[in-house]
Protein backbone atom coordinates (compact mmCIF):
# COMPACT_ATOMS: atom_id res chain seq x y z
CA MET A 1 0.00 0.00 0.00
CA VAL A 2 1.30 3.45 -0.89
CA ALA A 3 1.59 5.82 2.08
CA ALA A 4 -1.42 8.09 2.23
CA GLU A 5 0.26 11.11 3.83
CA ASN A 6 1.22 12.60 0.49
CA LEU A 7 -1.31 11.89 -2.22
CA SER A 8 0.66 13.31 -5.12
CA TYR A 9 -0.61 12.64 -8.63
CA GLN A 10 2.44 10.43 -9.22
CA ARG A 11 1.72 8.25 -6.20
CA LEU A 12 -1.99 8.02 -6.92
CA ALA A 13 -1.37 7.32 -10.60
CA TRP A 14 1.03 4.52 -9.63
CA GLN A 15 -1.62 2.99 -7.37
CA MET A 16 -4.37 3.39 -9.98
CA GLU A 17 -2.29 1.75 -12.70
CA GLY A 18 -2.24 -1.38 -10.55
CA GLY A 19 -6.01 -1.47 -11.09
CA ASP A 20 -6.89 -2.96 -7.67
CA VAL A 21 -10.11 -1.16 -6.72
CA ARG A 22 -9.91 -1.85 -3.00
CA SER A 23 -6.29 -0.68 -2.77
CA ILE A 24 -7.16 2.55 -4.57
CA ALA A 25 -10.20 3.08 -2.34
CA GLY A 26 -8.13 2.38 0.78
CA LEU A 27 -5.38 4.82 -0.18
CA CYS A 28 -7.87 7.59 -0.88
CA ARG A 29 -9.86 6.92 2.29
CA GLN A 30 -6.70 7.02 4.44
CA TYR A 31 -5.66 10.29 2.83
CA VAL A 32 -9.03 11.89 3.58
CA GLN A 33 -9.02 10.65 7.17
CA LYS A 34 -5.48 11.91 7.82
CA LYS A 35 -6.40 15.31 6.39
CA LEU A 36 -9.45 15.50 8.66
CA GLU A 37 -7.37 14.46 11.69
CA ALA A 38 -4.79 17.16 10.90
CA GLU A 39 -7.47 19.86 10.97
CA LYS A 40 -7.29 20.67 14.70
CA THR A 41 -9.61 23.68 14.47
CA PHE A 42 -11.62 21.98 11.74
CA SER A 43 -12.06 24.79 9.25
CA VAL A 44 -14.76 23.68 6.82
CA GLU A 45 -13.81 26.50 4.45
CA SER A 46 -10.23 25.26 4.15
CA LEU A 47 -11.46 21.72 3.56
CA LEU A 48 -13.76 22.84 0.77
CA LYS A 49 -10.93 24.70 -0.97
CA ASP A 50 -8.68 21.62 -0.96
CA ARG A 51 -9.11 20.17 -4.44
CA GLU A 52 -6.92 17.15 -3.77
CA LEU A 53 -9.04 16.31 -0.73
CA ALA A 54 -12.23 16.50 -2.81
CA GLN A 55 -10.67 14.31 -5.51
CA ALA A 56 -9.55 11.70 -2.98
CA CYS A 57 -12.96 11.76 -1.27
CA TYR A 58 -14.93 11.01 -4.43
CA MET A 59 -12.43 8.44 -5.64
CA ALA A 60 -12.63 6.66 -2.27
CA HIS A 61 -16.41 6.41 -2.63
CA PHE A 62 -16.34 5.37 -6.28
CA PHE A 63 -13.76 2.60 -5.94
CA ALA A 64 -15.30 1.35 -2.68
CA LEU A 65 -18.62 1.01 -4.51
CA VAL A 66 -16.99 -0.91 -7.36
CA GLY A 67 -15.30 -3.25 -4.89
CA LYS A 68 -18.14 -3.67 -2.43
CA ASP A 69 -18.83 -7.29 -3.46
CA ARG A 70 -15.35 -8.45 -4.46
CA THR A 71 -11.94 -7.16 -5.47
CA TYR A 72 -11.65 -6.30 -9.14
CA ILE A 73 -8.57 -5.50 -11.16
CA LEU A 74 -9.54 -2.85 -13.70
CA HIS A 75 -7.28 -3.50 -16.68
CA GLU A 76 -8.33 -0.28 -18.42
CA LEU A 77 -6.31 1.56 -15.75
CA LYS A 78 -3.12 0.10 -17.24
CA ASP A 79 -3.54 2.89 -19.81
CA LYS A 80 -1.36 5.64 -18.28
CA GLU A 81 -2.75 8.33 -20.56
CA TYR A 82 -6.32 7.44 -19.54
CA VAL A 83 -5.38 7.51 -15.85
CA LEU A 84 -3.80 10.94 -16.30
CA TRP A 85 -6.97 12.17 -18.04
CA LEU A 86 -9.10 10.85 -15.15
CA LEU A 87 -6.91 12.55 -12.57
CA ASN A 88 -7.09 15.82 -14.51
CA HIS A 89 -10.89 15.67 -14.64
CA PRO A 90 -12.00 15.39 -10.98
CA GLU A 91 -15.64 15.97 -11.99
CA VAL A 92 -15.66 12.41 -13.37
CA PHE A 93 -15.46 10.77 -9.93
CA GLU A 94 -17.66 13.43 -8.34
CA LYS A 95 -20.46 12.71 -10.83
CA LEU A 96 -20.00 8.93 -10.70
CA SER A 97 -20.07 8.94 -6.89
CA PHE A 98 -23.24 11.02 -6.85
CA ALA A 99 -24.93 8.61 -9.28
CA LYS A 100 -24.21 5.58 -7.02
CA ALA A 101 -24.58 3.02 -9.79
CA SER A 102 -21.00 2.16 -10.71
CA GLY A 103 -19.65 -1.33 -11.46
CA LYS A 104 -16.60 -3.18 -12.70
CA ASP A 105 -17.15 -2.09 -16.34
CA THR A 106 -17.92 1.58 -15.68
CA LEU A 107 -14.44 2.93 -16.37
CA ALA A 108 -13.95 0.50 -19.27
CA VAL A 109 -17.04 1.83 -21.06
CA LEU A 110 -15.96 5.40 -20.35
CA ARG A 111 -12.49 4.65 -21.77
CA ASN A 112 -13.93 3.12 -24.94
CA ILE A 113 -16.02 6.23 -25.57
CA TRP A 114 -13.08 8.47 -24.63
CA LEU A 115 -10.93 6.70 -27.24
CA LYS A 116 -13.71 6.91 -29.82
CA GLU A 117 -14.00 10.66 -29.23
CA GLY A 118 -10.30 11.31 -29.75
CA LYS A 119 -9.42 11.18 -26.03
CA GLU A 120 -11.43 14.29 -25.28
CA LEU A 121 -14.79 14.55 -23.51
CA SER A 122 -16.43 17.61 -22.01
CA GLY A 123 -19.81 19.21 -21.36
CA VAL A 124 -22.84 17.28 -22.57
CA GLY A 125 -20.57 14.73 -24.25
CA LEU A 126 -18.89 13.89 -20.94
CA ASN A 127 -22.21 13.65 -19.08
CA MET A 128 -23.58 11.40 -21.81
CA ALA A 129 -20.48 9.18 -21.75
CA LEU A 130 -20.71 8.89 -17.96
CA GLY A 131 -24.40 8.00 -18.28
CA ALA A 132 -23.57 5.23 -20.73
CA ALA A 133 -20.84 4.01 -18.37
CA LEU A 134 -23.28 3.88 -15.45
CA VAL A 135 -25.59 1.58 -17.41
CA SER A 136 -22.82 -1.05 -17.49
CA SER A 137 -24.13 -2.27 -14.12
CA SER A 138 -27.17 -3.68 -15.94
CA ARG A 139 -26.13 -3.98 -19.62
CA GLU A 140 -23.18 -5.35 -21.57
CA PRO A 141 -20.55 -2.71 -22.45
CA GLU A 142 -21.32 -2.96 -26.18
CA ALA A 143 -25.00 -2.19 -25.51
CA CYS A 144 -24.05 0.83 -23.36
CA GLU A 145 -21.88 2.21 -26.12
CA ALA A 146 -24.60 1.57 -28.71
CA ARG A 147 -27.00 3.75 -26.68
CA TYR A 148 -24.39 6.50 -26.54
CA ASP A 149 -23.91 6.30 -30.31
CA PHE A 150 -27.66 6.34 -31.01
CA TYR A 151 -28.36 9.39 -28.87
CA LYS A 152 -25.28 11.23 -30.11
CA LYS A 153 -26.45 10.69 -33.71
CA SER A 154 -30.01 11.72 -32.78
CA PHE A 155 -28.67 14.89 -31.17
CA MET A 156 -26.56 15.74 -34.21
CA GLU A 157 -29.65 15.24 -36.40
CA LYS A 158 -31.69 17.56 -34.13
CA LYS A 159 -34.22 14.86 -33.26
CA LEU A 160 -34.16 15.44 -29.49
CA PHE A 161 -35.92 17.88 -27.18
CA PRO A 162 -33.88 20.54 -25.26
CA GLN A 163 -34.05 18.59 -21.97
CA PHE A 164 -31.30 16.38 -23.40
CA LEU A 165 -28.75 19.19 -23.10
CA THR A 166 -29.41 19.62 -19.37
CA LEU A 167 -29.09 16.01 -18.24
CA GLU A 168 -26.67 14.93 -15.53
CA PRO A 169 -25.01 11.48 -15.78
CA TRP A 170 -27.54 9.84 -13.43
CA GLU A 171 -30.35 11.15 -15.67
CA PHE A 172 -28.60 9.88 -18.77
CA GLY A 173 -28.41 6.57 -16.91
CA ILE A 174 -32.21 6.51 -16.59
CA LEU A 175 -32.56 7.40 -20.28
CA PHE A 176 -30.08 4.75 -21.46
CA ARG A 177 -31.57 2.00 -19.25
CA GLY A 178 -34.89 2.22 -21.11
CA ARG A 179 -36.39 -1.16 -22.06
CA GLU A 180 -37.05 -0.01 -25.63
CA SER A 181 -34.69 -1.26 -28.33
CA ILE A 182 -32.72 1.20 -30.42
CA GLU A 183 -34.86 0.18 -33.41
CA GLU A 184 -38.03 1.06 -31.47
CA LEU A 185 -36.62 4.44 -30.46
CA ALA A 186 -35.62 5.23 -34.06
CA TRP A 187 -39.13 4.24 -35.24
CA ALA A 188 -40.65 6.48 -32.54
CA GLN A 189 -38.55 9.44 -33.66
CA ASP A 190 -39.83 9.02 -37.22
CA TYR A 191 -43.40 8.57 -35.97
CA LEU A 192 -43.20 11.80 -33.98
CA ALA A 193 -41.59 13.79 -36.79
CA ASP A 194 -44.91 15.28 -38.00
CA LYS A 195 -46.64 15.42 -34.60
CA LYS A 196 -46.17 19.17 -34.19
CA LYS A 197 -48.47 19.36 -31.17
CA ILE A 198 -46.01 17.30 -29.13
CA GLN A 199 -43.43 19.77 -27.82
CA ALA A 200 -40.67 19.70 -25.20
CA GLY A 201 -42.92 21.34 -22.62
CA ASN A 202 -45.93 19.03 -22.96
CA ALA A 203 -44.30 15.80 -24.19
CA GLY A 204 -45.07 13.73 -21.10
CA TYR A 205 -48.74 14.66 -21.25
CA ALA A 206 -49.31 14.76 -25.03
CA CYS A 207 -47.60 11.41 -25.74
CA CYS A 208 -50.27 9.65 -23.68
CA GLY A 209 -52.69 10.39 -26.53
CA LEU A 210 -50.63 8.29 -28.95
CA ILE A 211 -51.80 5.04 -27.34
CA PRO A 212 -55.56 4.29 -27.71
CA TYR A 213 -57.21 3.41 -24.41
CA ARG A 214 -58.90 0.04 -25.04
CA MET A 215 -60.20 -2.68 -22.72
CA LYS A 216 -60.67 -5.13 -25.62
CA ASN A 217 -59.02 -5.62 -28.99
CA LYS A 218 -60.83 -5.90 -32.32
CA GLN A 219 -61.58 -9.57 -31.67
CA GLY A 220 -63.14 -8.73 -28.31
CA ILE A 221 -60.27 -10.21 -26.28
CA SER A 222 -59.76 -8.45 -22.93
CA VAL A 223 -56.49 -6.68 -22.21
CA HIS A 224 -56.35 -8.58 -18.92
CA VAL A 225 -55.85 -11.87 -20.78
CA GLY A 226 -52.29 -10.82 -21.56
CA GLY A 227 -50.48 -11.83 -24.75
CA ALA A 228 -53.64 -12.80 -26.59
CA PHE A 229 -54.79 -9.16 -26.52
CA TYR A 230 -51.76 -8.35 -28.70
CA ASP A 231 -52.21 -11.47 -30.87
CA HIS A 232 -49.12 -12.83 -29.12
CA LYS A 233 -46.88 -10.32 -30.88
CA PRO A 234 -43.80 -8.98 -29.02
CA VAL A 235 -44.90 -5.81 -27.24
CA SER A 236 -43.26 -2.67 -28.62
CA LEU A 237 -44.04 1.00 -29.12
CA GLN A 238 -45.44 0.14 -32.56
CA ILE A 239 -47.74 -2.47 -31.03
CA TYR A 240 -48.92 -0.06 -28.33
CA VAL A 241 -49.88 2.47 -31.00
CA GLU A 242 -51.66 -0.17 -33.08
CA TYR A 243 -53.45 -2.14 -30.33
CA GLY A 244 -53.66 0.33 -27.46
CA GLY A 245 -54.35 -0.92 -23.95
CA VAL A 246 -55.15 0.43 -20.50
CA CYS A 247 -53.06 2.47 -18.07
CA GLY A 248 -49.97 0.24 -18.25
CA ALA A 249 -49.79 0.43 -22.05
CA VAL A 250 -50.46 4.18 -22.06
CA SER A 251 -47.76 4.93 -19.47
CA LYS A 252 -45.14 2.54 -20.87
CA GLY A 253 -45.81 3.73 -24.39
CA ALA A 254 -45.73 7.44 -23.53
CA ALA A 255 -42.56 6.98 -21.49
CA GLY A 256 -40.97 5.24 -24.47
CA PHE A 257 -41.90 8.07 -26.83
CA VAL A 258 -40.43 10.77 -24.59
CA LYS A 259 -37.26 8.69 -24.21
CA ALA A 260 -37.03 8.63 -28.01
CA LYS A 261 -36.84 12.44 -27.78
CA GLY A 262 -34.01 12.36 -25.22
CA ILE A 263 -36.10 12.82 -22.06
CA PRO A 264 -35.49 10.42 -19.13
CA SER A 265 -38.65 8.69 -17.96
CA TYR A 266 -39.84 5.57 -16.12
CA THR A 267 -43.11 4.05 -14.94
CA ILE A 268 -44.42 4.22 -11.37
CA GLY A 269 -47.32 2.62 -9.52
CA GLN A 270 -50.38 4.29 -8.07
CA PRO A 271 -53.37 2.55 -6.39
CA GLY A 272 -54.80 0.31 -9.13
CA HIS A 273 -53.06 2.43 -11.74
CA CYS A 274 -49.81 2.79 -13.71
CA ALA A 275 -48.36 6.28 -14.27
CA PHE A 276 -44.89 7.52 -15.21
CA VAL A 277 -42.46 10.33 -14.43
CA TRP A 278 -40.53 12.45 -16.90
CA LYS A 279 -38.24 15.50 -16.83
CA GLY A 280 -39.93 18.74 -17.89
CA ILE A 281 -38.31 21.53 -19.85
CA ASP A 282 -38.18 23.63 -16.65
CA GLY A 283 -35.88 21.04 -15.07
CA GLU A 284 -38.57 19.72 -12.72
CA TRP A 285 -39.78 16.12 -12.76
CA LYS A 286 -43.48 15.62 -13.60
CA ILE A 287 -46.01 12.79 -13.44
CA GLY A 288 -47.61 11.69 -16.70
CA ASN A 289 -50.91 9.78 -16.91
CA ASN A 290 -51.40 10.85 -13.31
CA ILE A 291 -54.40 10.17 -11.05
CA TYR A 292 -53.24 10.15 -7.43
CA GLY A 293 -50.17 12.42 -7.34
CA TRP A 294 -46.77 12.03 -5.69
CA VAL A 295 -47.98 11.00 -2.24
CA TRP A 296 -49.78 7.88 -3.49
CA SER A 297 -47.06 6.85 -5.95
CA GLU A 298 -44.66 3.98 -5.39
CA GLY A 299 -41.79 2.29 -7.17
CA GLY A 300 -38.75 4.17 -5.82
CA SER A 301 -37.13 7.45 -6.74
CA GLY A 302 -35.35 6.11 -9.82
CA GLY A 303 -32.40 8.40 -9.09
CA PRO A 304 -29.32 8.35 -6.84
CA TRP A 305 -31.30 9.27 -3.72
CA LYS A 306 -33.32 6.37 -2.39
CA GLY A 307 -36.78 6.90 -0.99
CA ALA A 308 -40.31 7.63 -2.13
CA VAL A 309 -41.03 8.48 -5.77
CA SER A 310 -41.33 12.15 -4.83
CA THR A 311 -37.67 12.18 -3.72
CA ILE A 312 -36.69 12.80 -7.33
CA THR A 313 -38.40 16.20 -7.20
CA GLU A 314 -35.83 17.37 -4.62
CA LEU A 315 -32.85 16.79 -6.90
CA PRO A 316 -33.43 19.81 -9.20
CA ARG A 317 -33.94 22.00 -6.12
CA PHE A 318 -30.76 20.69 -4.55
CA TRP A 319 -28.60 21.72 -7.49
CA LYS A 320 -29.82 25.33 -7.45
CA LYS A 321 -27.83 26.50 -4.40
CA ASN A 322 -24.40 25.61 -2.96
CA ALA A 323 -24.90 22.02 -4.08
CA ALA A 324 -21.24 21.18 -4.73
CA ALA A 325 -20.09 22.34 -1.27
CA SER A 326 -23.03 20.66 0.47
CA ASN A 327 -22.41 17.45 -1.44
CA LEU A 328 -18.71 17.39 -0.55
CA CYS A 329 -19.47 17.95 3.14
CA TYR A 330 -21.84 15.00 3.07
CA TYR A 331 -19.37 12.65 1.35
CA LEU A 332 -16.52 13.74 3.63
CA SER A 333 -18.73 13.01 6.66
CA LEU A 334 -19.10 9.40 5.50
CA LEU A 335 -15.31 8.97 5.60
CA ALA A 336 -14.60 10.84 8.85
CA ALA A 337 -13.22 8.54 11.55
CA ASP A 338 -14.20 10.96 14.32
CA PRO A 339 -18.01 10.87 14.91
CA GLN A 340 -17.98 14.45 16.17
CA LYS A 341 -16.33 15.71 12.99
CA ALA A 342 -18.71 13.61 10.91
CA GLY A 343 -21.63 15.27 12.69
CA THR A 344 -20.15 18.73 12.12
CA LEU A 345 -19.80 18.00 8.40
CA LEU A 346 -23.38 16.74 8.16
CA LYS A 347 -24.66 19.90 9.84
CA GLU A 348 -22.58 21.99 7.46
CA ALA A 349 -23.99 20.07 4.48
CA LEU A 350 -27.53 20.97 5.56
CA LYS A 351 -26.59 24.54 6.45
CA ARG A 352 -25.32 25.08 2.92
CA ASN A 353 -28.27 23.33 1.30
CA ALA A 354 -31.34 22.17 3.22
CA SER A 355 -32.41 20.06 0.22
CA ASN A 356 -29.50 17.65 0.71
CA TYR A 357 -31.83 14.74 1.41
CA PRO A 358 -29.19 12.06 2.27
CA ALA A 359 -27.59 14.38 4.87
CA TRP A 360 -30.77 14.34 6.94
C-alpha cells in the first residue's frame, strides 16, 4: 500500500495503474481521514478549498462502490494516458459517486467512448459518456456504447428535445436503461416527426394520446388476458400504437416516446393504476398519466437518492444552491473517523443546502 500522507498525482497514478479497486479506495480513504485528523480547528472553508481532498474523497467512494462485493482489477487503468486524463478531470469521480450506480465495467465503457472521441470529452458529451458508463451495471458494455452512439447521432440530427442538453449522468443513466430497443426508439422518432403538437414542454402529457385506451381488442379479447390481446406479438411502441391498452400500455408507451426524444422517464405505480415520471423543460420532474399524485405513488425514486417516488423532485432544487459544497461535506462526513467531525460535516452540508436529502 502506498503511504497516504502525500497523495501526489504520481503516487496516486502509480496505485491506480495497478487497477486494484480496494487498494485505490483504501489509499484515498486514508488520505481523507489523515487530512481530517490534521485539521485541529476543523475549518470547513479550508477543507472545501482543498481540491486534492475532494478528488480523494470522491475516488474513495467510487472505488469502494466498485469493490463492495469483491476485489476487481480494472485493466483499463493500465492505460497511463487514460489515468492521467481521469486525474485531470476530478468531476468524473464526483459525478460517478453522486450517481451511485457504478460497477466493474464503468471505467472500461468510459475509456472506450473516450478513445472513440479522440481522447477528449467535455460538457454534454462527458455527461452522456458517464451516463452510458453507469448503465454497465445492468447492460453489456457494447449495448451501453450503442446507446451512446444512437443518442449522439439523434442529437446531431436535431431529433431530441432541449431537456437532453441539461441532463446529468444519473439522468442519462435513466434514459439509457430504457427497455425499448434502439430500433423502437428510431421508429418512434420518425413517428413523432410530423406530430407538431407534441413539444418539449408538454411531451409527457401529449404522448399519452398516442396510445388508444382500449379494454378489448378488435376480436373482443380483454387486455387482462395478456399476450392474446396483442395477438401474441412482441410488445413494442409500434404495437402499443396499433393495439392500445389500458393504463400500463399508455404509461409505458408514452414513457418510451419521450425517451425517443431524449427525455429520461420511467413508470411508477399508483393505487390500481400505472403512471410515469418524466423530466420537464423547466428542469422539474413531472407525473404523466397521473391520477393520485406524488404521495400515493410507489416504485422508488429512480435516481441516486433512495426513498419515495417524490424524492426525485428534490434533486433539481438541490442543485440550485451551494450544491457542490453541500455534497462534498456529506461525502466527507461518511469517511470521517471521528463521529464528532462527521456530525459537524453533516450539519454543514444541511446549512449550505437544506435540500441535501441524504444528509438528513
